[in-house]
Amino acid sequence: DQGSAVGVGVLQQVNGTARQIHGADVAVVLTNG
């Protein structure tokens, strides 16, 4: 958590692939930061 934060860009990538490409019902982004 002292390092760089996970930003919107990562979430946009997940948003564009989790449901549309992978057919997910639930999308989760997990970080040790």
PDB file of all heavy atoms in Angstrom:
ATOM      1  N   ASP A   1       0.811  -1.229   0.000  1.00  0.00           N
ATOM      2  CA  ASP A   1       0.000   0.000   0.000  1.00  0.00           C
ATOM      3  C   ASP A   1       0.840   1.273   0.000  1.00  0.00           C
ATOM      4  O   ASP A   1       0.314   2.365  -0.144  1.00  0.00           O
ATOM      5  CB  ASP A   1      -1.007   0.010   1.160  1.00  0.00           C
ATOM      6  CG  ASP A   1      -0.354  -0.108   2.523  1.00  0.00           C
ATOM      7  OD1 ASP A   1       0.875  -0.272   2.592  1.00  0.00           O
ATOM      8  OD2 ASP A   1      -1.089  -0.039   3.518  1.00  0.00           O
ATOM      9  N   GLN A   2       2.152   1.137   0.112  1.00  0.00           N
ATOM     10  CA  GLN A   2       3.045   2.295  -0.003  1.00  0.00           C
ATOM     11  C   GLN A   2       3.431   2.560  -1.456  1.00  0.00           C
ATOM     12  O   GLN A   2       3.991   3.605  -1.770  1.00  0.00           O
ATOM     13  CB  GLN A   2       4.314   2.076   0.829  1.00  0.00           C
ATOM     14  CG  GLN A   2       4.039   1.886   2.314  1.00  0.00           C
ATOM     15  CD  GLN A   2       3.307   3.058   2.929  1.00  0.00           C
ATOM     16  OE1 GLN A   2       3.695   4.205   2.745  1.00  0.00           O
ATOM     17  NE2 GLN A   2       2.230   2.785   3.644  1.00  0.00           N
ATOM     18  N   GLY A   3       3.152   1.602  -2.338  1.00  0.00           N
ATOM     19  CA  GLY A   3       3.501   1.731  -3.748  1.00  0.00           C
ATOM     20  C   GLY A   3       2.417   2.414  -4.553  1.00  0.00           C
ATOM     21  O   GLY A   3       1.494   3.023  -4.005  1.00  0.00           O
ATOM     22  N   SER A   4       2.534   2.281  -5.858  1.00  0.00           N
ATOM     23  CA  SER A   4       1.561   2.924  -6.742  1.00  0.00           C
ATOM     24  C   SER A   4       0.186   2.277  -6.595  1.00  0.00           C
ATOM     25  O   SER A   4       0.060   1.067  -6.409  1.00  0.00           O
ATOM     26  CB  SER A   4       2.025   2.854  -8.196  1.00  0.00           C
ATOM     27  OG  SER A   4       2.101   1.513  -8.615  1.00  0.00           O
ATOM     28  N   ALA A   5      -0.830   3.109  -6.675  1.00  0.00           N
ATOM     29  CA  ALA A   5      -2.204   2.643  -6.537  1.00  0.00           C
ATOM     30  C   ALA A   5      -2.682   2.017  -7.844  1.00  0.00           C
ATOM     31  O   ALA A   5      -2.243   2.385  -8.932  1.00  0.00           O
ATOM     32  CB  ALA A   5      -3.107   3.810  -6.161  1.00  0.00           C
ATOM     33  N   VAL A   6      -3.599   1.079  -7.737  1.00  0.00           N
ATOM     34  CA  VAL A   6      -4.265   0.517  -8.910  1.00  0.00           C
ATOM     35  C   VAL A   6      -5.263   1.570  -9.376  1.00  0.00           C
ATOM     36  O   VAL A   6      -6.092   2.038  -8.589  1.00  0.00           O
ATOM     37  CB  VAL A   6      -4.969  -0.811  -8.568  1.00  0.00           C
ATOM     38  CG1 VAL A   6      -5.752  -1.324  -9.757  1.00  0.00           C
ATOM     39  CG2 VAL A   6      -3.958  -1.842  -8.089  1.00  0.00           C
ATOM     40  N   GLY A   7      -5.178   1.928 -10.643  1.00  0.00           N
ATOM     41  CA  GLY A   7      -5.997   3.016 -11.158  1.00  0.00           C
ATOM     42  C   GLY A   7      -7.157   2.588 -12.029  1.00  0.00           C
ATOM     43  O   GLY A   7      -7.404   1.403 -12.253  1.00  0.00           O
ATOM     44  N   VAL A   8      -7.823   3.577 -12.548  1.00  0.00           N
ATOM     45  CA  VAL A   8      -9.007   3.379 -13.390  1.00  0.00           C
ATOM     46  C   VAL A   8      -8.672   2.578 -14.643  1.00  0.00           C
ATOM     47  O   VAL A   8      -9.488   1.778 -15.103  1.00  0.00           O
ATOM     48  CB  VAL A   8      -9.641   4.745 -13.748  1.00  0.00           C
ATOM     49  CG1 VAL A   8     -10.745   4.592 -14.777  1.00  0.00           C
ATOM     50  CG2 VAL A   8     -10.181   5.421 -12.492  1.00  0.00           C
ATOM     51  N   GLY A   9      -7.475   2.746 -15.196  1.00  0.00           N
ATOM     52  CA  GLY A   9      -7.105   2.015 -16.408  1.00  0.00           C
ATOM     53  C   GLY A   9      -7.226   0.510 -16.260  1.00  0.00           C
ATOM     54  O   GLY A   9      -7.712  -0.186 -17.158  1.00  0.00           O
ATOM     55  N   VAL A  10      -6.795  -0.022 -15.125  1.00  0.00           N
ATOM     56  CA  VAL A  10      -6.919  -1.459 -14.855  1.00  0.00           C
ATOM     57  C   VAL A  10      -8.390  -1.849 -14.791  1.00  0.00           C
ATOM     58  O   VAL A  10      -8.804  -2.864 -15.358  1.00  0.00           O
ATOM     59  CB  VAL A  10      -6.198  -1.838 -13.537  1.00  0.00           C
ATOM     60  CG1 VAL A  10      -6.536  -3.251 -13.110  1.00  0.00           C
ATOM     61  CG2 VAL A  10      -4.700  -1.655 -13.673  1.00  0.00           C
ATOM     62  N   LEU A  11      -9.185  -1.029 -14.125  1.00  0.00           N
ATOM     63  CA  LEU A  11     -10.618  -1.333 -14.012  1.00  0.00           C
ATOM     64  C   LEU A  11     -11.308  -1.287 -15.369  1.00  0.00           C
ATOM     65  O   LEU A  11     -12.207  -2.075 -15.649  1.00  0.00           O
ATOM     66  CB  LEU A  11     -11.291  -0.369 -13.038  1.00  0.00           C
ATOM     67  CG  LEU A  11     -10.725  -0.317 -11.619  1.00  0.00           C
ATOM     68  CD1 LEU A  11     -11.582   0.577 -10.749  1.00  0.00           C
ATOM     69  CD2 LEU A  11     -10.566  -1.678 -11.023  1.00  0.00           C
ATOM     70  N   GLN A  12     -10.869  -0.370 -16.231  1.00  0.00           N
ATOM     71  CA  GLN A  12     -11.445  -0.298 -17.578  1.00  0.00           C
ATOM     72  C   GLN A  12     -11.138  -1.567 -18.360  1.00  0.00           C
ATOM     73  O   GLN A  12     -12.000  -2.074 -19.087  1.00  0.00           O
ATOM     74  CB  GLN A  12     -10.913   0.933 -18.314  1.00  0.00           C
ATOM     75  CG  GLN A  12     -11.474   2.218 -17.768  1.00  0.00           C
ATOM     76  CD  GLN A  12     -10.817   3.452 -18.360  1.00  0.00           C
ATOM     77  OE1 GLN A  12      -9.658   3.432 -18.763  1.00  0.00           O
ATOM     78  NE2 GLN A  12     -11.548   4.557 -18.384  1.00  0.00           N
ATOM     79  N   GLN A  13      -9.936  -2.088 -18.218  1.00  0.00           N
ATOM     80  CA  GLN A  13      -9.582  -3.345 -18.891  1.00  0.00           C
ATOM     81  C   GLN A  13     -10.462  -4.490 -18.392  1.00  0.00           C
ATOM     82  O   GLN A  13     -10.975  -5.278 -19.188  1.00  0.00           O
ATOM     83  CB  GLN A  13      -8.116  -3.681 -18.664  1.00  0.00           C
ATOM     84  CG  GLN A  13      -7.166  -2.750 -19.365  1.00  0.00           C
ATOM     85  CD  GLN A  13      -5.719  -3.001 -18.981  1.00  0.00           C
ATOM     86  OE1 GLN A  13      -5.420  -3.763 -18.068  1.00  0.00           O
ATOM     87  NE2 GLN A  13      -4.813  -2.339 -19.674  1.00  0.00           N
ATOM     88  N   VAL A  14     -10.620  -4.574 -17.087  1.00  0.00           N
ATOM     89  CA  VAL A  14     -11.461  -5.628 -16.513  1.00  0.00           C
ATOM     90  C   VAL A  14     -12.902  -5.455 -16.960  1.00  0.00           C
ATOM     91  O   VAL A  14     -13.569  -6.421 -17.350  1.00  0.00           O
ATOM     92  CB  VAL A  14     -11.348  -5.631 -14.970  1.00  0.00           C
ATOM     93  CG1 VAL A  14     -12.408  -6.523 -14.343  1.00  0.00           C
ATOM     94  CG2 VAL A  14      -9.953  -6.062 -14.550  1.00  0.00           C
ATOM     95  N   ASN A  15     -13.385  -4.233 -16.942  1.00  0.00           N
ATOM     96  CA  ASN A  15     -14.756  -3.961 -17.355  1.00  0.00           C
ATOM     97  C   ASN A  15     -14.996  -4.360 -18.810  1.00  0.00           C
ATOM     98  O   ASN A  15     -16.079  -4.814 -19.155  1.00  0.00           O
ATOM     99  CB  ASN A  15     -15.080  -2.481 -17.155  1.00  0.00           C
ATOM    100  CG  ASN A  15     -16.548  -2.179 -17.280  1.00  0.00           C
ATOM    101  OD1 ASN A  15     -17.376  -2.844 -16.671  1.00  0.00           O
ATOM    102  ND2 ASN A  15     -16.883  -1.174 -18.072  1.00  0.00           N
ATOM    103  N   GLY A  16     -13.989  -4.204 -19.642  1.00  0.00           N
ATOM    104  CA  GLY A  16     -14.133  -4.531 -21.057  1.00  0.00           C
ATOM    105  C   GLY A  16     -13.993  -6.011 -21.388  1.00  0.00           C
ATOM    106  O   GLY A  16     -14.336  -6.426 -22.492  1.00  0.00           O
ATOM    107  N   THR A  17     -13.503  -6.801 -20.448  1.00  0.00           N
ATOM    108  CA  THR A  17     -13.285  -8.217 -20.764  1.00  0.00           C
ATOM    109  C   THR A  17     -14.017  -9.190 -19.849  1.00  0.00           C
ATOM    110  O   THR A  17     -14.408 -10.262 -20.301  1.00  0.00           O
ATOM    111  CB  THR A  17     -11.781  -8.567 -20.713  1.00  0.00           C
ATOM    112  OG1 THR A  17     -11.278  -8.303 -19.401  1.00  0.00           O
ATOM    113  CG2 THR A  17     -11.004  -7.780 -21.746  1.00  0.00           C
ATOM    114  N   ALA A  18     -14.190  -8.873 -18.594  1.00  0.00           N
ATOM    115  CA  ALA A  18     -14.743  -9.840 -17.634  1.00  0.00           C
ATOM    116  C   ALA A  18     -16.104 -10.371 -18.064  1.00  0.00           C
ATOM    117  O   ALA A  18     -16.308 -11.588 -18.132  1.00  0.00           O
ATOM    118  CB  ALA A  18     -14.842  -9.218 -16.237  1.00  0.00           C
ATOM    119  N   ARG A  19     -16.998  -9.490 -18.384  1.00  0.00           N
ATOM    120  CA  ARG A  19     -18.352  -9.922 -18.750  1.00  0.00           C
ATOM    121  C   ARG A  19     -18.459 -10.264 -20.235  1.00  0.00           C
ATOM    122  O   ARG A  19     -18.994 -11.304 -20.599  1.00  0.00           O
ATOM    123  CB  ARG A  19     -19.348  -8.838 -18.362  1.00  0.00           C
ATOM    124  CG  ARG A  19     -19.431  -8.650 -16.842  1.00  0.00           C
ATOM    125  CD  ARG A  19     -20.382  -7.512 -16.458  1.00  0.00           C
ATOM    126  NE  ARG A  19     -20.304  -7.232 -15.039  1.00  0.00           N
ATOM    127  CZ  ARG A  19     -19.475  -6.354 -14.480  1.00  0.00           C
ATOM    128  NH1 ARG A  19     -18.641  -5.644 -15.222  1.00  0.00           N
ATOM    129  NH2 ARG A  19     -19.464  -6.157 -13.180  1.00  0.00           N
ATOM    130  N   GLN A  20     -17.921  -9.380 -21.081  1.00  0.00           N
ATOM    131  CA  GLN A  20     -18.087  -9.557 -22.519  1.00  0.00           C
ATOM    132  C   GLN A  20     -17.284 -10.751 -23.058  1.00  0.00           C
ATOM    133  O   GLN A  20     -17.788 -11.516 -23.866  1.00  0.00           O
ATOM    134  CB  GLN A  20     -17.667  -8.282 -23.272  1.00  0.00           C
ATOM    135  CG  GLN A  20     -18.520  -7.085 -22.978  1.00  0.00           C
ATOM    136  CD  GLN A  20     -18.074  -6.315 -21.737  1.00  0.00           C
ATOM    137  OE1 GLN A  20     -17.371  -6.827 -20.879  1.00  0.00           O
ATOM    138  NE2 GLN A  20     -18.516  -5.079 -21.627  1.00  0.00           N
ATOM    139  N   ILE A  21     -16.049 -10.889 -22.669  1.00  0.00           N
ATOM    140  CA  ILE A  21     -15.177 -11.937 -23.201  1.00  0.00           C
ATOM    141  C   ILE A  21     -15.283 -13.230 -22.392  1.00  0.00           C
ATOM    142  O   ILE A  21     -15.398 -14.314 -22.938  1.00  0.00           O
ATOM    143  CB  ILE A  21     -13.694 -11.476 -23.233  1.00  0.00           C
ATOM    144  CG1 ILE A  21     -13.543 -10.185 -24.032  1.00  0.00           C
ATOM    145  CG2 ILE A  21     -12.786 -12.574 -23.743  1.00  0.00           C
ATOM    146  CD1 ILE A  21     -13.905 -10.285 -25.495  1.00  0.00           C
ATOM    147  N   HIS A  22     -15.246 -13.105 -21.059  1.00  0.00           N
ATOM    148  CA  HIS A  22     -15.208 -14.278 -20.193  1.00  0.00           C
ATOM    149  C   HIS A  22     -16.582 -14.714 -19.686  1.00  0.00           C
ATOM    150  O   HIS A  22     -16.704 -15.758 -19.062  1.00  0.00           O
ATOM    151  CB  HIS A  22     -14.283 -14.021 -18.997  1.00  0.00           C
ATOM    152  CG  HIS A  22     -12.881 -13.727 -19.421  1.00  0.00           C
ATOM    153  ND1 HIS A  22     -12.056 -14.659 -20.012  1.00  0.00           N
ATOM    154  CD2 HIS A  22     -12.151 -12.587 -19.354  1.00  0.00           C
ATOM    155  CE1 HIS A  22     -10.884 -14.114 -20.277  1.00  0.00           C
ATOM    156  NE2 HIS A  22     -10.922 -12.854 -19.902  1.00  0.00           N
ATOM    157  N   GLY A  23     -17.599 -13.922 -19.942  1.00  0.00           N
ATOM    158  CA  GLY A  23     -18.957 -14.289 -19.530  1.00  0.00           C
ATOM    159  C   GLY A  23     -19.176 -14.259 -18.026  1.00  0.00           C
ATOM    160  O   GLY A  23     -20.025 -14.975 -17.504  1.00  0.00           O
ATOM    161  N   ALA A  24     -18.421 -13.428 -17.320  1.00  0.00           N
ATOM    162  CA  ALA A  24     -18.530 -13.370 -15.862  1.00  0.00           C
ATOM    163  C   ALA A  24     -19.787 -12.634 -15.424  1.00  0.00           C
ATOM    164  O   ALA A  24     -20.221 -11.677 -16.060  1.00  0.00           O
ATOM    165  CB  ALA A  24     -17.310 -12.678 -15.273  1.00  0.00           C
ATOM    166  N   ASP A  25     -20.361 -13.094 -14.337  1.00  0.00           N
ATOM    167  CA  ASP A  25     -21.476 -12.403 -13.699  1.00  0.00           C
ATOM    168  C   ASP A  25     -20.962 -11.390 -12.684  1.00  0.00           C
ATOM    169  O   ASP A  25     -21.628 -10.402 -12.394  1.00  0.00           O
ATOM    170  CB  ASP A  25     -22.374 -13.410 -12.979  1.00  0.00           C
ATOM    171  CG  ASP A  25     -22.938 -14.434 -13.936  1.00  0.00           C
ATOM    172  OD1 ASP A  25     -23.595 -14.037 -14.913  1.00  0.00           O
ATOM    173  OD2 ASP A  25     -22.696 -15.638 -13.719  1.00  0.00           O
ATOM    174  N   VAL A  26     -19.786 -11.670 -12.114  1.00  0.00           N
ATOM    175  CA  VAL A  26     -19.191 -10.846 -11.080  1.00  0.00           C
ATOM    176  C   VAL A  26     -17.739 -10.566 -11.466  1.00  0.00           C
ATOM    177  O   VAL A  26     -17.000 -11.490 -11.814  1.00  0.00           O
ATOM    178  CB  VAL A  26     -19.235 -11.552  -9.703  1.00  0.00           C
ATOM    179  CG1 VAL A  26     -18.545 -10.723  -8.639  1.00  0.00           C
ATOM    180  CG2 VAL A  26     -20.669 -11.862  -9.304  1.00  0.00           C
ATOM    181  N   ALA A  27     -17.324  -9.297 -11.403  1.00  0.00           N
ATOM    182  CA  ALA A  27     -15.941  -8.914 -11.690  1.00  0.00           C
ATOM    183  C   ALA A  27     -15.298  -8.392 -10.402  1.00  0.00           C
ATOM    184  O   ALA A  27     -15.893  -7.582  -9.694  1.00  0.00           O
ATOM    185  CB  ALA A  27     -15.894  -7.844 -12.769  1.00  0.00           C
ATOM    186  N   VAL A  28     -14.076  -8.882 -10.125  1.00  0.00           N
ATOM    187  CA  VAL A  28     -13.353  -8.496  -8.914  1.00  0.00           C
ATOM    188  C   VAL A  28     -11.927  -8.126  -9.295  1.00  0.00           C
ATOM    189  O   VAL A  28     -11.293  -8.835 -10.083  1.00  0.00           O
ATOM    190  CB  VAL A  28     -13.317  -9.660  -7.892  1.00  0.00           C
ATOM    191  CG1 VAL A  28     -12.536  -9.264  -6.639  1.00  0.00           C
ATOM    192  CG2 VAL A  28     -14.715 -10.122  -7.531  1.00  0.00           C
ATOM    193  N   VAL A  29     -11.416  -7.023  -8.751  1.00  0.00           N
ATOM    194  CA  VAL A  29     -10.005  -6.675  -8.880  1.00  0.00           C
ATOM    195  C   VAL A  29      -9.430  -6.720  -7.469  1.00  0.00           C
ATOM    196  O   VAL A  29      -9.954  -6.092  -6.552  1.00  0.00           O
ATOM    197  CB  VAL A  29      -9.787  -5.290  -9.515  1.00  0.00           C
ATOM    198  CG1 VAL A  29      -8.302  -4.946  -9.559  1.00  0.00           C
ATOM    199  CG2 VAL A  29     -10.379  -5.254 -10.921  1.00  0.00           C
ATOM    200  N   LEU A  30      -8.368  -7.487  -7.310  1.00  0.00           N
ATOM    201  CA  LEU A  30      -7.751  -7.726  -6.014  1.00  0.00           C
ATOM    202  C   LEU A  30      -6.316  -7.232  -6.056  1.00  0.00           C
ATOM    203  O   LEU A  30      -5.623  -7.449  -7.034  1.00  0.00           O
ATOM    204  CB  LEU A  30      -7.795  -9.234  -5.754  1.00  0.00           C
ATOM    205  CG  LEU A  30      -7.281  -9.768  -4.445  1.00  0.00           C
ATOM    206  CD1 LEU A  30      -8.108 -10.975  -4.044  1.00  0.00           C
ATOM    207  CD2 LEU A  30      -5.833 -10.152  -4.545  1.00  0.00           C
ATOM    208  N   THR A  31      -5.864  -6.559  -5.006  1.00  0.00           N
ATOM    209  CA  THR A  31      -4.493  -6.070  -4.948  1.00  0.00           C
ATOM    210  C   THR A  31      -3.940  -6.179  -3.534  1.00  0.00           C
ATOM    211  O   THR A  31      -4.709  -6.120  -2.563  1.00  0.00           O
ATOM    212  CB  THR A  31      -4.369  -4.615  -5.431  1.00  0.00           C
ATOM    213  OG1 THR A  31      -2.988  -4.222  -5.392  1.00  0.00           O
ATOM    214  CG2 THR A  31      -5.180  -3.656  -4.583  1.00  0.00           C
ATOM    215  N   ASN A  32      -2.634  -6.353  -3.438  1.00  0.00           N
ATOM    216  CA  ASN A  32      -1.976  -6.304  -2.132  1.00  0.00           C
ATOM    217  C   ASN A  32      -1.652  -4.855  -1.760  1.00  0.00           C
ATOM    218  O   ASN A  32      -1.026  -4.601  -0.747  1.00  0.00           O
ATOM    219  CB  ASN A  32      -0.700  -7.138  -2.130  1.00  0.00           C
ATOM    220  CG  ASN A  32       0.380  -6.546  -3.007  1.00  0.00           C
ATOM    221  OD1 ASN A  32       0.106  -5.966  -4.059  1.00  0.00           O
ATOM    222  ND2 ASN A  32       1.625  -6.684  -2.594  1.00  0.00           N
ATOM    223  N   GLY A  33      -2.104  -3.936  -2.590  1.00  0.00           N
ATOM    224  CA  GLY A  33      -1.867  -2.512  -2.364  1.00  0.00           C
ATOM    225  C   GLY A  33      -3.160  -1.774  -2.102  1.00  0.00           C
ATOM    226  O   GLY A  33      -3.977  -2.177  -1.288  1.00  0.00           O
TER     227      GLY A  33
END
